[in-house]
N, C-alpha and C. Protein backbone atom coordinates (compact mmCIF):
# COMPACT_ATOMS: atom_id res chain seq x y z
N UNK A 1 148.86 142.54 82.29
CA UNK A 1 148.40 142.64 83.59
C UNK A 1 149.61 141.50 84.30
N UNK A 2 149.73 142.00 85.41
CA UNK A 2 150.67 141.19 86.12
C UNK A 2 150.06 140.46 87.42
N UNK A 3 150.92 139.57 87.93
CA UNK A 3 150.59 138.75 88.97
C UNK A 3 150.65 139.68 90.32
N UNK A 4 149.69 140.24 90.89
CA UNK A 4 149.71 141.01 91.97
C UNK A 4 148.67 140.59 92.93
N UNK A 5 148.67 141.32 94.30
CA UNK A 5 147.63 141.07 95.15
C UNK A 5 146.25 141.23 94.56
N UNK A 6 145.46 140.11 94.85
CA UNK A 6 143.86 140.04 94.38
C UNK A 6 143.81 139.96 93.07
N UNK A 7 144.67 139.25 92.26
CA UNK A 7 144.50 138.89 90.85
C UNK A 7 144.49 137.44 90.54
N UNK A 8 143.62 137.10 89.70
CA UNK A 8 143.48 135.53 89.46
C UNK A 8 144.72 135.19 88.61
N UNK A 9 145.61 134.27 89.12
CA UNK A 9 146.72 133.97 88.15
C UNK A 9 146.46 132.63 87.70
N UNK A 10 146.84 132.12 86.60
CA UNK A 10 146.73 130.83 86.13
C UNK A 10 148.10 130.32 85.67
N UNK A 11 148.47 129.23 86.07
CA UNK A 11 149.86 128.55 85.75
C UNK A 11 149.95 127.18 85.01
N UNK A 12 150.61 126.85 84.36
CA UNK A 12 150.97 125.50 83.90
C UNK A 12 152.29 125.24 84.92
N UNK A 13 152.38 124.12 85.30
CA UNK A 13 153.52 123.92 86.05
C UNK A 13 153.94 122.26 85.97
N UNK A 14 155.45 122.21 86.32
CA UNK A 14 155.87 120.79 86.65
C UNK A 14 156.65 120.95 88.03
N UNK A 15 156.39 120.10 88.90
CA UNK A 15 157.05 120.04 90.32
C UNK A 15 157.83 118.70 90.27
N UNK A 16 159.11 119.01 90.59
CA UNK A 16 160.13 117.93 90.72
C UNK A 16 160.85 118.06 92.12
N UNK A 17 161.17 116.68 92.58
CA UNK A 17 162.15 116.83 93.76
C UNK A 17 163.63 117.02 93.40
N UNK A 18 164.52 116.93 94.27
CA UNK A 18 165.91 117.18 94.07
C UNK A 18 166.54 115.95 93.13
N UNK A 19 165.86 115.05 93.09
CA UNK A 19 166.36 113.72 92.31
C UNK A 19 165.83 113.91 90.73
N UNK A 20 164.93 114.93 90.55
CA UNK A 20 164.27 115.20 89.20
C UNK A 20 162.98 114.31 89.00
N UNK A 21 162.63 113.66 89.91
CA UNK A 21 161.28 113.00 89.83
C UNK A 21 160.12 113.87 89.90
N UNK A 22 159.33 113.95 88.94
CA UNK A 22 158.17 114.61 88.78
C UNK A 22 157.26 114.13 90.02
N UNK A 23 156.81 115.15 90.75
CA UNK A 23 155.96 114.81 91.81
C UNK A 23 154.54 115.29 91.49
N UNK A 24 154.27 116.18 90.58
CA UNK A 24 152.97 116.70 90.24
C UNK A 24 153.18 117.62 88.99
N UNK A 25 152.10 117.78 88.11
CA UNK A 25 152.28 118.62 86.99
C UNK A 25 150.83 118.87 86.47
N UNK A 26 150.70 120.08 85.93
CA UNK A 26 149.40 120.26 85.22
C UNK A 26 149.31 119.86 83.75
N UNK A 27 150.42 119.27 83.30
CA UNK A 27 150.50 118.62 81.99
C UNK A 27 149.23 117.93 81.55
N UNK A 28 148.54 118.02 80.74
CA UNK A 28 147.20 117.28 80.32
C UNK A 28 146.12 117.66 80.78
N UNK A 29 146.12 118.77 81.81
CA UNK A 29 145.14 119.22 82.72
C UNK A 29 144.84 120.71 82.34
N UNK A 30 144.01 121.19 82.95
CA UNK A 30 143.53 122.76 83.15
C UNK A 30 144.61 123.26 83.84
N UNK A 31 144.91 124.70 83.63
CA UNK A 31 146.22 125.19 84.43
C UNK A 31 145.40 125.48 85.67
N UNK A 32 146.40 125.68 86.75
CA UNK A 32 146.32 125.81 88.19
C UNK A 32 145.83 127.33 88.17
N UNK A 33 144.59 127.64 88.80
CA UNK A 33 144.26 129.15 88.98
C UNK A 33 144.07 129.47 90.35
N UNK A 34 144.81 130.50 90.86
CA UNK A 34 144.46 130.82 92.28
C UNK A 34 144.52 132.32 92.48
N UNK A 35 144.17 132.58 93.64
CA UNK A 35 143.76 134.32 93.89
C UNK A 35 145.18 134.69 94.57
N UNK A 36 145.91 135.48 93.92
CA UNK A 36 147.25 135.93 94.35
C UNK A 36 147.29 136.61 95.66
N UNK A 37 148.13 136.33 96.68
CA UNK A 37 148.31 137.22 97.78
C UNK A 37 147.30 136.70 98.82
N UNK A 38 146.45 135.55 98.78
CA UNK A 38 145.70 135.00 99.55
C UNK A 38 146.03 133.75 100.29
N UNK A 39 147.37 133.43 100.15
CA UNK A 39 147.74 132.35 100.47
C UNK A 39 147.25 130.78 100.12
N UNK A 40 146.84 130.97 98.91
CA UNK A 40 146.26 129.56 98.26
C UNK A 40 147.19 128.63 97.64
N UNK A 41 148.36 129.17 97.55
CA UNK A 41 149.70 128.29 97.06
C UNK A 41 150.80 128.28 98.30
N UNK A 42 151.81 127.56 98.03
CA UNK A 42 152.86 127.80 98.98
C UNK A 42 153.57 129.06 98.86
N UNK A 43 153.98 129.67 99.82
CA UNK A 43 154.58 130.98 99.95
C UNK A 43 155.67 131.31 98.99
N UNK A 44 156.52 130.49 98.80
CA UNK A 44 157.82 130.69 98.02
C UNK A 44 157.42 130.84 96.61
N UNK A 45 156.46 129.97 96.16
CA UNK A 45 155.93 129.93 94.70
C UNK A 45 155.22 131.35 94.58
N UNK A 46 154.21 131.54 95.33
CA UNK A 46 153.61 132.66 95.15
C UNK A 46 154.53 133.98 95.03
N UNK A 47 155.49 134.07 96.09
CA UNK A 47 156.42 135.13 96.02
C UNK A 47 157.24 135.10 94.73
N UNK A 48 157.74 134.03 94.22
CA UNK A 48 158.30 133.94 92.82
C UNK A 48 157.48 134.37 91.69
N UNK A 49 156.28 134.29 91.79
CA UNK A 49 155.44 134.58 90.63
C UNK A 49 155.03 136.12 90.76
N UNK A 50 155.15 136.65 91.71
CA UNK A 50 154.93 138.17 92.03
C UNK A 50 155.26 138.96 90.82
N UNK A 51 154.44 139.85 90.27
CA UNK A 51 154.93 140.63 89.15
C UNK A 51 155.28 139.87 87.73
N UNK A 52 154.74 138.72 87.72
CA UNK A 52 154.96 137.98 86.48
C UNK A 52 153.76 138.17 85.54
N UNK A 53 153.91 138.16 84.20
CA UNK A 53 153.01 138.35 83.28
C UNK A 53 152.69 136.97 82.36
N UNK A 54 151.30 137.12 81.75
CA UNK A 54 151.27 135.86 81.01
C UNK A 54 152.20 135.57 79.90
N UNK A 55 152.67 134.52 79.82
CA UNK A 55 153.67 134.12 78.73
C UNK A 55 155.06 133.88 79.58
N UNK A 56 155.20 134.60 80.60
CA UNK A 56 156.58 134.27 81.25
C UNK A 56 156.84 133.06 81.99
N UNK A 57 158.03 132.31 81.87
CA UNK A 57 158.24 131.11 82.24
C UNK A 57 159.31 131.29 83.53
N UNK A 58 159.24 130.52 84.57
CA UNK A 58 160.36 130.46 85.33
C UNK A 58 160.68 129.26 85.99
N UNK A 59 162.08 128.77 86.36
CA UNK A 59 162.26 127.89 87.18
C UNK A 59 162.77 128.22 88.46
N UNK A 60 162.18 127.84 89.47
CA UNK A 60 162.41 128.15 90.85
C UNK A 60 162.43 127.02 91.75
N UNK A 61 163.29 127.06 92.46
CA UNK A 61 163.66 126.08 93.60
C UNK A 61 163.17 126.74 95.09
N UNK A 62 162.17 126.09 95.74
CA UNK A 62 161.41 126.64 96.89
C UNK A 62 162.01 125.78 98.20
N UNK A 63 162.79 126.11 98.98
CA UNK A 63 163.20 125.49 100.21
C UNK A 63 162.02 125.18 101.15
N UNK A 64 162.24 124.25 101.98
CA UNK A 64 161.21 123.74 102.92
C UNK A 64 160.42 124.67 103.76
N UNK A 65 161.14 125.89 104.14
CA UNK A 65 160.73 126.91 105.02
C UNK A 65 159.68 127.74 104.35
N UNK A 66 159.87 127.57 102.97
CA UNK A 66 158.86 128.56 102.08
C UNK A 66 157.87 127.62 101.44
N UNK A 67 157.81 126.25 101.76
CA UNK A 67 156.83 125.40 101.04
C UNK A 67 156.08 124.81 102.31
N UNK A 68 156.33 123.56 102.49
CA UNK A 68 155.53 122.76 103.59
C UNK A 68 156.13 122.80 104.92
N UNK A 69 157.19 123.37 105.19
CA UNK A 69 158.04 123.26 106.32
C UNK A 69 159.01 122.11 106.40
N UNK A 70 159.78 122.27 107.50
CA UNK A 70 160.59 121.19 107.92
C UNK A 70 159.82 119.79 108.32
N UNK A 71 160.16 118.65 108.46
CA UNK A 71 159.60 117.54 109.06
C UNK A 71 159.55 117.85 110.59
N UNK A 72 158.60 117.47 111.10
CA UNK A 72 158.42 117.52 112.69
C UNK A 72 158.24 116.15 113.08
N UNK A 73 159.25 115.47 113.83
CA UNK A 73 159.17 114.10 114.25
C UNK A 73 158.08 113.99 115.29
N UNK A 74 157.67 114.84 115.93
CA UNK A 74 156.56 114.86 116.95
C UNK A 74 155.01 114.76 116.24
N UNK A 75 155.14 114.82 115.10
CA UNK A 75 153.71 114.62 114.32
C UNK A 75 153.65 113.34 113.91
N UNK A 76 154.61 112.48 114.18
CA UNK A 76 154.49 111.08 114.07
C UNK A 76 154.09 110.27 115.30
N UNK A 77 153.23 109.31 115.22
CA UNK A 77 152.78 108.81 116.50
C UNK A 77 152.41 107.38 116.24
N UNK A 78 152.63 106.54 117.22
CA UNK A 78 151.88 105.09 117.07
C UNK A 78 150.65 105.00 117.78
N UNK A 79 149.72 104.37 117.14
CA UNK A 79 148.34 104.25 117.70
C UNK A 79 147.95 102.82 117.69
N UNK A 80 147.56 102.42 118.72
CA UNK A 80 147.00 100.99 119.14
C UNK A 80 146.25 100.50 117.87
N UNK A 81 146.43 99.42 117.33
CA UNK A 81 145.71 98.58 116.26
C UNK A 81 144.14 98.70 116.63
N UNK A 82 144.00 98.41 117.92
CA UNK A 82 142.54 98.22 118.31
C UNK A 82 141.68 99.48 118.36
N UNK A 83 142.54 100.68 118.16
CA UNK A 83 141.76 101.82 117.87
C UNK A 83 140.94 101.99 116.41
N UNK A 84 141.44 101.31 115.64
CA UNK A 84 140.74 101.08 114.25
C UNK A 84 139.84 99.86 114.27
N UNK A 85 138.65 100.18 113.59
CA UNK A 85 137.47 99.32 113.46
C UNK A 85 138.03 97.92 113.05
N UNK A 86 137.39 96.87 113.80
CA UNK A 86 137.95 95.44 113.29
C UNK A 86 137.61 95.16 111.96
N UNK A 87 138.63 94.65 111.39
CA UNK A 87 138.43 94.33 109.89
C UNK A 87 138.97 95.35 109.05
N UNK A 88 139.41 96.54 109.36
CA UNK A 88 139.56 97.44 108.56
C UNK A 88 141.25 97.20 108.13
N UNK A 89 141.27 97.34 106.65
CA UNK A 89 142.52 97.22 106.02
C UNK A 89 143.38 98.28 105.93
N UNK A 90 144.16 98.51 106.98
CA UNK A 90 145.04 99.69 106.98
C UNK A 90 146.38 99.48 106.31
N UNK A 91 146.68 100.45 105.35
CA UNK A 91 147.86 99.99 104.61
C UNK A 91 148.64 101.39 104.57
N UNK A 92 150.05 100.94 104.49
CA UNK A 92 150.88 102.22 104.43
C UNK A 92 150.79 103.16 103.14
N UNK A 93 150.62 104.38 103.45
CA UNK A 93 150.38 105.51 102.33
C UNK A 93 148.96 105.88 102.33
N UNK A 94 148.00 105.17 103.05
CA UNK A 94 146.70 105.77 103.12
C UNK A 94 146.75 107.00 103.82
N UNK A 95 145.79 107.83 103.41
CA UNK A 95 145.52 109.17 104.10
C UNK A 95 144.23 109.27 104.72
N UNK A 96 144.02 109.81 105.86
CA UNK A 96 142.67 110.16 106.47
C UNK A 96 142.91 111.28 107.41
N UNK A 97 141.80 111.83 107.83
CA UNK A 97 141.45 113.13 108.52
C UNK A 97 141.39 112.50 110.04
N UNK A 98 142.10 113.22 110.99
CA UNK A 98 141.87 113.05 112.35
C UNK A 98 141.40 114.35 113.04
N UNK A 99 140.87 114.25 114.18
CA UNK A 99 140.53 115.38 115.00
C UNK A 99 141.76 115.44 115.98
N UNK A 100 142.32 116.74 116.04
CA UNK A 100 143.48 116.92 116.96
C UNK A 100 143.22 118.07 117.88
N UNK A 101 143.69 118.49 118.74
CA UNK A 101 143.55 119.64 119.58
C UNK A 101 143.51 121.08 118.86
N UNK A 102 144.36 120.90 117.65
CA UNK A 102 144.40 122.06 116.72
C UNK A 102 143.52 122.08 115.52
N UNK A 103 142.50 121.03 115.67
CA UNK A 103 141.56 120.90 114.67
C UNK A 103 141.81 119.60 113.84
N UNK A 104 141.06 119.74 112.65
CA UNK A 104 141.23 118.53 111.80
C UNK A 104 142.56 118.54 111.17
N UNK A 105 143.20 117.47 111.11
CA UNK A 105 144.51 117.27 110.38
C UNK A 105 144.52 116.09 109.54
N UNK A 106 145.21 116.06 108.26
CA UNK A 106 145.34 115.10 107.53
C UNK A 106 146.60 114.18 107.86
N UNK A 107 146.63 113.08 107.99
CA UNK A 107 147.56 112.08 108.46
C UNK A 107 147.86 110.92 107.39
N UNK A 108 149.24 110.33 107.30
CA UNK A 108 149.24 109.47 106.43
C UNK A 108 150.02 108.16 107.18
N UNK A 109 149.43 107.10 106.81
CA UNK A 109 149.81 106.03 107.47
C UNK A 109 151.31 105.48 107.12
N UNK A 110 152.29 105.71 108.02
CA UNK A 110 153.57 105.36 107.79
C UNK A 110 154.14 103.83 107.88
N UNK A 111 153.50 103.11 108.86
CA UNK A 111 153.87 101.74 109.23
C UNK A 111 152.64 101.26 109.99
N UNK A 112 152.71 99.79 109.51
CA UNK A 112 151.57 98.84 110.18
C UNK A 112 152.19 97.68 110.57
N UNK A 113 151.67 97.41 111.85
CA UNK A 113 152.13 95.85 112.42
C UNK A 113 150.88 95.51 112.99
N UNK A 114 150.96 94.15 113.63
CA UNK A 114 149.82 93.70 114.28
C UNK A 114 149.23 94.42 115.49
N UNK A 115 150.09 95.12 116.03
CA UNK A 115 149.70 95.91 117.30
C UNK A 115 149.73 97.36 117.18
N UNK A 116 150.20 98.00 116.12
CA UNK A 116 150.17 99.29 116.17
C UNK A 116 150.05 99.86 114.80
N UNK A 117 149.66 101.00 114.42
CA UNK A 117 149.82 101.88 113.25
C UNK A 117 150.33 103.20 113.51
N UNK A 118 151.59 103.45 112.87
CA UNK A 118 152.16 104.74 112.87
C UNK A 118 151.71 105.59 111.98
N UNK A 119 151.17 106.76 112.42
CA UNK A 119 150.59 107.87 111.36
C UNK A 119 151.57 109.16 111.63
N UNK A 120 151.60 109.81 110.38
CA UNK A 120 152.46 110.85 110.36
C UNK A 120 151.50 112.10 109.95
N UNK A 121 151.42 113.17 110.76
CA UNK A 121 150.91 114.46 110.38
C UNK A 121 151.51 115.54 109.65
N UNK A 122 152.89 115.10 109.20
CA UNK A 122 153.55 116.10 108.38
C UNK A 122 152.96 115.97 106.84
N UNK A 123 152.98 116.98 106.34
CA UNK A 123 152.74 116.90 104.96
C UNK A 123 153.64 115.99 104.18
N UNK A 124 153.09 115.33 103.21
CA UNK A 124 154.17 114.57 102.46
C UNK A 124 155.35 115.25 101.92
N UNK A 125 155.16 116.43 101.55
CA UNK A 125 156.21 117.07 101.02
C UNK A 125 157.03 117.86 102.03
N UNK A 126 156.98 117.82 103.31
CA UNK A 126 157.48 118.61 104.34
C UNK A 126 159.08 118.09 104.18
N UNK A 127 159.89 119.16 104.49
CA UNK A 127 161.40 118.89 104.33
C UNK A 127 161.84 118.73 102.99
N UNK A 128 161.18 118.87 102.08
CA UNK A 128 161.74 118.74 100.72
C UNK A 128 161.90 120.07 100.12
N UNK A 129 162.94 120.28 99.33
CA UNK A 129 162.88 121.46 98.39
C UNK A 129 162.26 121.17 97.17
N UNK A 130 161.40 122.02 96.70
CA UNK A 130 160.60 121.83 95.53
C UNK A 130 160.96 122.66 94.35
N UNK A 131 161.17 122.00 93.08
CA UNK A 131 161.48 122.52 92.20
C UNK A 131 160.47 122.58 91.25
N UNK A 132 160.14 124.00 90.88
CA UNK A 132 159.14 124.24 89.94
C UNK A 132 159.49 124.79 88.57
N UNK A 133 158.95 124.25 87.40
CA UNK A 133 159.12 124.91 86.05
C UNK A 133 157.49 125.46 85.97
N UNK A 134 157.53 126.76 85.86
CA UNK A 134 156.05 127.42 85.55
C UNK A 134 156.13 128.35 84.45
N UNK A 135 154.86 128.28 83.79
CA UNK A 135 154.52 129.19 82.71
C UNK A 135 153.21 129.95 83.15
N UNK A 136 153.16 131.31 83.34
CA UNK A 136 152.03 132.00 83.60
C UNK A 136 151.26 132.02 82.23
N UNK A 137 149.94 131.28 82.45
CA UNK A 137 149.02 131.47 81.22
C UNK A 137 148.09 132.58 81.35
N UNK A 138 147.80 133.03 82.40
CA UNK A 138 146.74 134.19 82.47
C UNK A 138 146.96 134.87 83.70
N UNK A 139 146.59 136.07 83.67
CA UNK A 139 146.33 136.97 84.83
C UNK A 139 144.93 137.93 84.63
N UNK A 140 143.95 137.83 85.54
CA UNK A 140 143.09 138.62 85.23
C UNK A 140 142.29 139.10 86.66
N UNK A 141 141.35 139.97 86.45
CA UNK A 141 140.73 140.61 87.75
C UNK A 141 139.79 139.38 88.06
N UNK A 142 139.73 139.24 89.56
CA UNK A 142 138.74 138.39 90.25
C UNK A 142 137.19 138.78 89.99
N UNK A 143 136.48 137.75 90.25
CA UNK A 143 134.88 138.12 90.48
C UNK A 143 134.79 138.63 91.84
N UNK A 144 133.69 139.34 92.11
CA UNK A 144 133.29 139.86 93.49
C UNK A 144 133.12 138.61 94.24
N UNK A 145 132.50 137.41 93.81
CA UNK A 145 132.46 136.09 94.70
C UNK A 145 134.03 135.72 95.05
N UNK A 146 134.69 135.55 93.91
CA UNK A 146 136.06 135.12 94.10
C UNK A 146 136.95 135.93 95.37
N UNK A 147 136.60 137.41 95.13
CA UNK A 147 137.45 138.18 96.32
C UNK A 147 136.73 137.89 97.56
N UNK A 148 135.43 137.76 97.66
CA UNK A 148 134.69 137.69 98.84
C UNK A 148 135.16 136.17 99.52
N UNK A 149 135.31 135.17 98.85
CA UNK A 149 135.67 134.04 99.22
C UNK A 149 137.26 133.98 99.63
N UNK A 150 138.07 134.68 99.06
CA UNK A 150 139.42 134.61 99.12
C UNK A 150 140.16 133.71 98.24
N UNK A 151 139.31 132.86 97.18
CA UNK A 151 139.82 131.87 96.57
C UNK A 151 139.03 131.65 95.37
N UNK A 152 139.55 130.93 94.46
CA UNK A 152 138.91 130.45 93.16
C UNK A 152 138.02 129.38 93.23
N UNK A 153 136.76 129.48 92.82
CA UNK A 153 135.98 128.16 92.85
C UNK A 153 135.04 128.11 94.09
């Protein structure tokens, strides 16, 4: 069976940046399973997996435009420190959800000083080329619930 629209695809993967640093991996964990064709993984990786069968391995570089997009400077903003509850220990790298006019968005604390906290709404991997080594471990038919939900789990 091949990875095609509305099939459950399971993969083992290692994700590296352009400097060869491992950013994420399924090594030592269960394979990642997703419903193909439903936008549950980045578009470039899903496209690269199209038509692949269990046992196939591929190395693929996904440009930002087919991954998490280019960085948008306007998604970073400075927030007055007093907008955070008194005594809150805000640190660089922390992530939290905020309500925006476009809905709930995850932001990352980029800078903290005594007067302001700079938060960044870009995905942490925005602007980066993502280099995947992937092995397809399984392709199967989805359950009716998986089809109805449009995702696994």
